[in-house]
Amino acid sequence: MSRNSKLISQNLREEIAKELGVYDQVKKDGGSWENVSSKDCGNIVSKAIEIANRAVENK
């Protein structure tokens, strides 16, 4: 996830990870996203896209 970290703000990524129950792993690893599964990263991206689409629709 670090390669594309600039596409999603750190705050948004953390909020979504908390919502999906993934942030505990990040916190346990001292803020590192290395041990977050690719499936969970994909779910974070999907949720971010969903949020972005809602924001566009509401304009």
PDB file of N, CA and C in Angstrom:
ATOM      1  N   MET A   1       0.812  -1.185   0.000  1.00  0.00           N
ATOM      2  CA  MET A   1       0.000   0.000   0.000  1.00  0.00           C
ATOM      3  C   MET A   1       0.857   1.252   0.000  1.00  0.00           C
ATOM      4  N   SER A   2       2.078   1.159   0.394  1.00  0.00           N
ATOM      5  CA  SER A   2       2.923   2.345   0.485  1.00  0.00           C
ATOM      6  C   SER A   2       3.229   2.949  -0.878  1.00  0.00           C
ATOM      7  N   ARG A   3       3.254   2.129  -1.918  1.00  0.00           N
ATOM      8  CA  ARG A   3       3.582   2.630  -3.245  1.00  0.00           C
ATOM      9  C   ARG A   3       2.596   3.698  -3.708  1.00  0.00           C
ATOM     10  N   ASN A   4       1.333   3.516  -3.401  1.00  0.00           N
ATOM     11  CA  ASN A   4       0.300   4.457  -3.836  1.00  0.00           C
ATOM     12  C   ASN A   4      -0.272   5.262  -2.678  1.00  0.00           C
ATOM     13  N   SER A   5       0.505   5.430  -1.640  1.00  0.00           N
ATOM     14  CA  SER A   5      -0.005   6.081  -0.438  1.00  0.00           C
ATOM     15  C   SER A   5      -0.468   7.508  -0.666  1.00  0.00           C
ATOM     16  N   LYS A   6      -0.013   8.156  -1.704  1.00  0.00           N
ATOM     17  CA  LYS A   6      -0.391   9.543  -1.952  1.00  0.00           C
ATOM     18  C   LYS A   6      -1.761   9.647  -2.624  1.00  0.00           C
ATOM     19  N   LEU A   7      -2.316   8.539  -3.077  1.00  0.00           N
ATOM     20  CA  LEU A   7      -3.617   8.573  -3.725  1.00  0.00           C
ATOM     21  C   LEU A   7      -4.757   8.731  -2.720  1.00  0.00           C
ATOM     22  N   ILE A   8      -4.548   8.220  -1.528  1.00  0.00           N
ATOM     23  CA  ILE A   8      -5.535   8.327  -0.459  1.00  0.00           C
ATOM     24  C   ILE A   8      -4.832   8.984   0.725  1.00  0.00           C
ATOM     25  N   SER A   9      -5.456   9.985   1.306  1.00  0.00           N
ATOM     26  CA  SER A   9      -4.819  10.643   2.444  1.00  0.00           C
ATOM     27  C   SER A   9      -4.644   9.648   3.592  1.00  0.00           C
ATOM     28  N   GLN A  10      -3.648   9.895   4.389  1.00  0.00           N
ATOM     29  CA  GLN A  10      -3.369   9.023   5.536  1.00  0.00           C
ATOM     30  C   GLN A  10      -4.575   8.965   6.470  1.00  0.00           C
ATOM     31  N   ASN A  11      -5.195  10.107   6.706  1.00  0.00           N
ATOM     32  CA  ASN A  11      -6.353  10.149   7.604  1.00  0.00           C
ATOM     33  C   ASN A  11      -7.516   9.318   7.073  1.00  0.00           C
ATOM     34  N   LEU A  12      -7.797   9.456   5.772  1.00  0.00           N
ATOM     35  CA  LEU A  12      -8.890   8.692   5.176  1.00  0.00           C
ATOM     36  C   LEU A  12      -8.583   7.200   5.229  1.00  0.00           C
ATOM     37  N   ARG A  13      -7.359   6.833   4.905  1.00  0.00           N
ATOM     38  CA  ARG A  13      -6.966   5.424   4.923  1.00  0.00           C
ATOM     39  C   ARG A  13      -7.129   4.841   6.326  1.00  0.00           C
ATOM     40  N   GLU A  14      -6.701   5.593   7.335  1.00  0.00           N
ATOM     41  CA  GLU A  14      -6.824   5.118   8.711  1.00  0.00           C
ATOM     42  C   GLU A  14      -8.281   5.011   9.139  1.00  0.00           C
ATOM     43  N   GLU A  15      -9.101   5.979   8.777  1.00  0.00           N
ATOM     44  CA  GLU A  15     -10.526   5.932   9.141  1.00  0.00           C
ATOM     45  C   GLU A  15     -11.214   4.730   8.505  1.00  0.00           C
ATOM     46  N   ILE A  16     -10.919   4.471   7.240  1.00  0.00           N
ATOM     47  CA  ILE A  16     -11.521   3.328   6.568  1.00  0.00           C
ATOM     48  C   ILE A  16     -11.014   2.029   7.185  1.00  0.00           C
ATOM     49  N   ALA A  17      -9.726   1.967   7.480  1.00  0.00           N
ATOM     50  CA  ALA A  17      -9.150   0.769   8.103  1.00  0.00           C
ATOM     51  C   ALA A  17      -9.805   0.509   9.455  1.00  0.00           C
ATOM     52  N   LYS A  18     -10.062   1.563  10.219  1.00  0.00           N
ATOM     53  CA  LYS A  18     -10.740   1.408  11.502  1.00  0.00           C
ATOM     54  C   LYS A  18     -12.155   0.880  11.287  1.00  0.00           C
ATOM     55  N   GLU A  19     -12.843   1.445  10.303  1.00  0.00           N
ATOM     56  CA  GLU A  19     -14.209   1.032   9.993  1.00  0.00           C
ATOM     57  C   GLU A  19     -14.265  -0.445   9.584  1.00  0.00           C
ATOM     58  N   LEU A  20     -13.253  -0.894   8.859  1.00  0.00           N
ATOM     59  CA  LEU A  20     -13.216  -2.280   8.383  1.00  0.00           C
ATOM     60  C   LEU A  20     -12.555  -3.233   9.377  1.00  0.00           C
ATOM     61  N   GLY A  21     -12.077  -2.699  10.493  1.00  0.00           N
ATOM     62  CA  GLY A  21     -11.466  -3.539  11.513  1.00  0.00           C
ATOM     63  C   GLY A  21     -10.049  -3.980  11.207  1.00  0.00           C
ATOM     64  N   VAL A  22      -9.358  -3.253  10.356  1.00  0.00           N
ATOM     65  CA  VAL A  22      -8.001  -3.606   9.930  1.00  0.00           C
ATOM     66  C   VAL A  22      -6.950  -2.783  10.672  1.00  0.00           C
ATOM     67  N   TYR A  23      -7.332  -1.660  11.217  1.00  0.00           N
ATOM     68  CA  TYR A  23      -6.354  -0.733  11.776  1.00  0.00           C
ATOM     69  C   TYR A  23      -5.616  -1.290  12.986  1.00  0.00           C
ATOM     70  N   ASP A  24      -6.224  -2.220  13.712  1.00  0.00           N
ATOM     71  CA  ASP A  24      -5.539  -2.817  14.861  1.00  0.00           C
ATOM     72  C   ASP A  24      -4.224  -3.468  14.439  1.00  0.00           C
ATOM     73  N   GLN A  25      -4.208  -4.111  13.265  1.00  0.00           N
ATOM     74  CA  GLN A  25      -2.983  -4.731  12.758  1.00  0.00           C
ATOM     75  C   GLN A  25      -1.921  -3.669  12.474  1.00  0.00           C
ATOM     76  N   VAL A  26      -2.331  -2.574  11.884  1.00  0.00           N
ATOM     77  CA  VAL A  26      -1.402  -1.479  11.573  1.00  0.00           C
ATOM     78  C   VAL A  26      -0.833  -0.907  12.864  1.00  0.00           C
ATOM     79  N   LYS A  27      -1.707  -0.665  13.826  1.00  0.00           N
ATOM     80  CA  LYS A  27      -1.289  -0.115  15.108  1.00  0.00           C
ATOM     81  C   LYS A  27      -0.333  -1.075  15.817  1.00  0.00           C
ATOM     82  N   LYS A  28      -0.646  -2.353  15.769  1.00  0.00           N
ATOM     83  CA  LYS A  28       0.193  -3.372  16.401  1.00  0.00           C
ATOM     84  C   LYS A  28       1.590  -3.395  15.781  1.00  0.00           C
ATOM     85  N   ASP A  29       1.674  -3.135  14.481  1.00  0.00           N
ATOM     86  CA  ASP A  29       2.947  -3.141  13.759  1.00  0.00           C
ATOM     87  C   ASP A  29       3.627  -1.777  13.759  1.00  0.00           C
ATOM     88  N   GLY A  30       3.235  -0.903  14.647  1.00  0.00           N
ATOM     89  CA  GLY A  30       3.876   0.399  14.770  1.00  0.00           C
ATOM     90  C   GLY A  30       3.604   1.348  13.622  1.00  0.00           C
ATOM     91  N   GLY A  31       2.442   1.221  12.996  1.00  0.00           N
ATOM     92  CA  GLY A  31       2.074   2.116  11.895  1.00  0.00           C
ATOM     93  C   GLY A  31       2.425   1.578  10.525  1.00  0.00           C
ATOM     94  N   SER A  32       3.000   0.400  10.467  1.00  0.00           N
ATOM     95  CA  SER A  32       3.371  -0.198   9.188  1.00  0.00           C
ATOM     96  C   SER A  32       2.171  -0.919   8.577  1.00  0.00           C
ATOM     97  N   TRP A  33       2.020  -0.745   7.270  1.00  0.00           N
ATOM     98  CA  TRP A  33       0.929  -1.404   6.538  1.00  0.00           C
ATOM     99  C   TRP A  33       1.400  -2.709   5.890  1.00  0.00           C
ATOM    100  N   GLU A  34       2.636  -3.098   6.115  1.00  0.00           N
ATOM    101  CA  GLU A  34       3.215  -4.276   5.467  1.00  0.00           C
ATOM    102  C   GLU A  34       2.440  -5.557   5.701  1.00  0.00           C
ATOM    103  N   ASN A  35       1.917  -5.759   6.890  1.00  0.00           N
ATOM    104  CA  ASN A  35       1.251  -7.016   7.220  1.00  0.00           C
ATOM    105  C   ASN A  35      -0.253  -7.007   6.993  1.00  0.00           C
ATOM    106  N   VAL A  36      -0.754  -5.936   6.399  1.00  0.00           N
ATOM    107  CA  VAL A  36      -2.167  -5.888   6.045  1.00  0.00           C
ATOM    108  C   VAL A  36      -2.315  -6.653   4.733  1.00  0.00           C
ATOM    109  N   SER A  37      -3.240  -7.581   4.712  1.00  0.00           N
ATOM    110  CA  SER A  37      -3.389  -8.436   3.528  1.00  0.00           C
ATOM    111  C   SER A  37      -3.804  -7.632   2.301  1.00  0.00           C
ATOM    112  N   SER A  38      -3.498  -8.181   1.152  1.00  0.00           N
ATOM    113  CA  SER A  38      -3.878  -7.507  -0.096  1.00  0.00           C
ATOM    114  C   SER A  38      -5.393  -7.438  -0.214  1.00  0.00           C
ATOM    115  N   LYS A  39      -6.083  -8.429   0.316  1.00  0.00           N
ATOM    116  CA  LYS A  39      -7.547  -8.404   0.306  1.00  0.00           C
ATOM    117  C   LYS A  39      -8.056  -7.217   1.117  1.00  0.00           C
ATOM    118  N   ASP A  40      -7.488  -7.021   2.306  1.00  0.00           N
ATOM    119  CA  ASP A  40      -7.906  -5.897   3.139  1.00  0.00           C
ATOM    120  C   ASP A  40      -7.547  -4.563   2.490  1.00  0.00           C
ATOM    121  N   CYS A  41      -6.379  -4.494   1.867  1.00  0.00           N
ATOM    122  CA  CYS A  41      -6.002  -3.260   1.151  1.00  0.00           C
ATOM    123  C   CYS A  41      -6.987  -2.985   0.018  1.00  0.00           C
ATOM    124  N   GLY A  42      -7.377  -4.033  -0.683  1.00  0.00           N
ATOM    125  CA  GLY A  42      -8.367  -3.889  -1.749  1.00  0.00           C
ATOM    126  C   GLY A  42      -9.693  -3.392  -1.217  1.00  0.00           C
ATOM    127  N   ASN A  43     -10.085  -3.892  -0.050  1.00  0.00           N
ATOM    128  CA  ASN A  43     -11.333  -3.431   0.569  1.00  0.00           C
ATOM    129  C   ASN A  43     -11.251  -1.966   0.966  1.00  0.00           C
ATOM    130  N   ILE A  44     -10.081  -1.536   1.407  1.00  0.00           N
ATOM    131  CA  ILE A  44      -9.886  -0.125   1.754  1.00  0.00           C
ATOM    132  C   ILE A  44     -10.017   0.740   0.503  1.00  0.00           C
ATOM    133  N   VAL A  45      -9.403   0.312  -0.572  1.00  0.00           N
ATOM    134  CA  VAL A  45      -9.483   1.061  -1.835  1.00  0.00           C
ATOM    135  C   VAL A  45     -10.926   1.104  -2.334  1.00  0.00           C
ATOM    136  N   SER A  46     -11.609  -0.031  -2.285  1.00  0.00           N
ATOM    137  CA  SER A  46     -13.012  -0.078  -2.728  1.00  0.00           C
ATOM    138  C   SER A  46     -13.874   0.885  -1.930  1.00  0.00           C
ATOM    139  N   LYS A  47     -13.658   0.923  -0.630  1.00  0.00           N
ATOM    140  CA  LYS A  47     -14.425   1.827   0.235  1.00  0.00           C
ATOM    141  C   LYS A  47     -14.095   3.285  -0.090  1.00  0.00           C
ATOM    142  N   ALA A  48     -12.827   3.585  -0.358  1.00  0.00           N
ATOM    143  CA  ALA A  48     -12.428   4.947  -0.721  1.00  0.00           C
ATOM    144  C   ALA A  48     -13.094   5.365  -2.035  1.00  0.00           C
ATOM    145  N   ILE A  49     -13.156   4.458  -2.982  1.00  0.00           N
ATOM    146  CA  ILE A  49     -13.815   4.743  -4.272  1.00  0.00           C
ATOM    147  C   ILE A  49     -15.296   4.992  -4.047  1.00  0.00           C
ATOM    148  N   GLU A  50     -15.904   4.181  -3.199  1.00  0.00           N
ATOM    149  CA  GLU A  50     -17.321   4.358  -2.879  1.00  0.00           C
ATOM    150  C   GLU A  50     -17.574   5.737  -2.265  1.00  0.00           C
ATOM    151  N   ILE A  51     -16.719   6.148  -1.349  1.00  0.00           N
ATOM    152  CA  ILE A  51     -16.842   7.464  -0.719  1.00  0.00           C
ATOM    153  C   ILE A  51     -16.666   8.574  -1.745  1.00  0.00           C
ATOM    154  N   ALA A  52     -15.697   8.429  -2.635  1.00  0.00           N
ATOM    155  CA  ALA A  52     -15.447   9.436  -3.668  1.00  0.00           C
ATOM    156  C   ALA A  52     -16.644   9.534  -4.620  1.00  0.00           C
ATOM    157  N   ASN A  53     -17.202   8.393  -4.996  1.00  0.00           N
ATOM    158  CA  ASN A  53     -18.360   8.405  -5.894  1.00  0.00           C
ATOM    159  C   ASN A  53     -19.557   9.089  -5.249  1.00  0.00           C
ATOM    160  N   ARG A  54     -19.766   8.843  -3.967  1.00  0.00           N
ATOM    161  CA  ARG A  54     -20.857   9.518  -3.253  1.00  0.00           C
ATOM    162  C   ARG A  54     -20.634  11.015  -3.218  1.00  0.00           C
ATOM    163  N   ALA A  55     -19.395  11.437  -3.012  1.00  0.00           N
ATOM    164  CA  ALA A  55     -19.082  12.870  -2.952  1.00  0.00           C
ATOM    165  C   ALA A  55     -19.352  13.535  -4.290  1.00  0.00           C
ATOM    166  N   VAL A  56     -19.014  12.857  -5.372  1.00  0.00           N
ATOM    167  CA  VAL A  56     -19.250  13.398  -6.711  1.00  0.00           C
ATOM    168  C   VAL A  56     -20.757  13.478  -7.003  1.00  0.00           C
ATOM    169  N   GLU A  57     -21.474  12.447  -6.612  1.00  0.00           N
ATOM    170  CA  GLU A  57     -22.922  12.426  -6.851  1.00  0.00           C
ATOM    171  C   GLU A  57     -23.642  13.526  -6.070  1.00  0.00           C
ATOM    172  N   ASN A  58     -23.126  13.887  -4.921  1.00  0.00           N
ATOM    173  CA  ASN A  58     -23.776  14.894  -4.081  1.00  0.00           C
ATOM    174  C   ASN A  58     -23.435  16.321  -4.467  1.00  0.00           C
ATOM    175  N   LYS A  59     -22.615  16.512  -5.473  1.00  0.00           N
ATOM    176  CA  LYS A  59     -22.255  17.876  -5.901  1.00  0.00           C
ATOM    177  C   LYS A  59     -23.292  18.434  -6.823  1.00  0.00           C
TER     178      LYS A  59
END
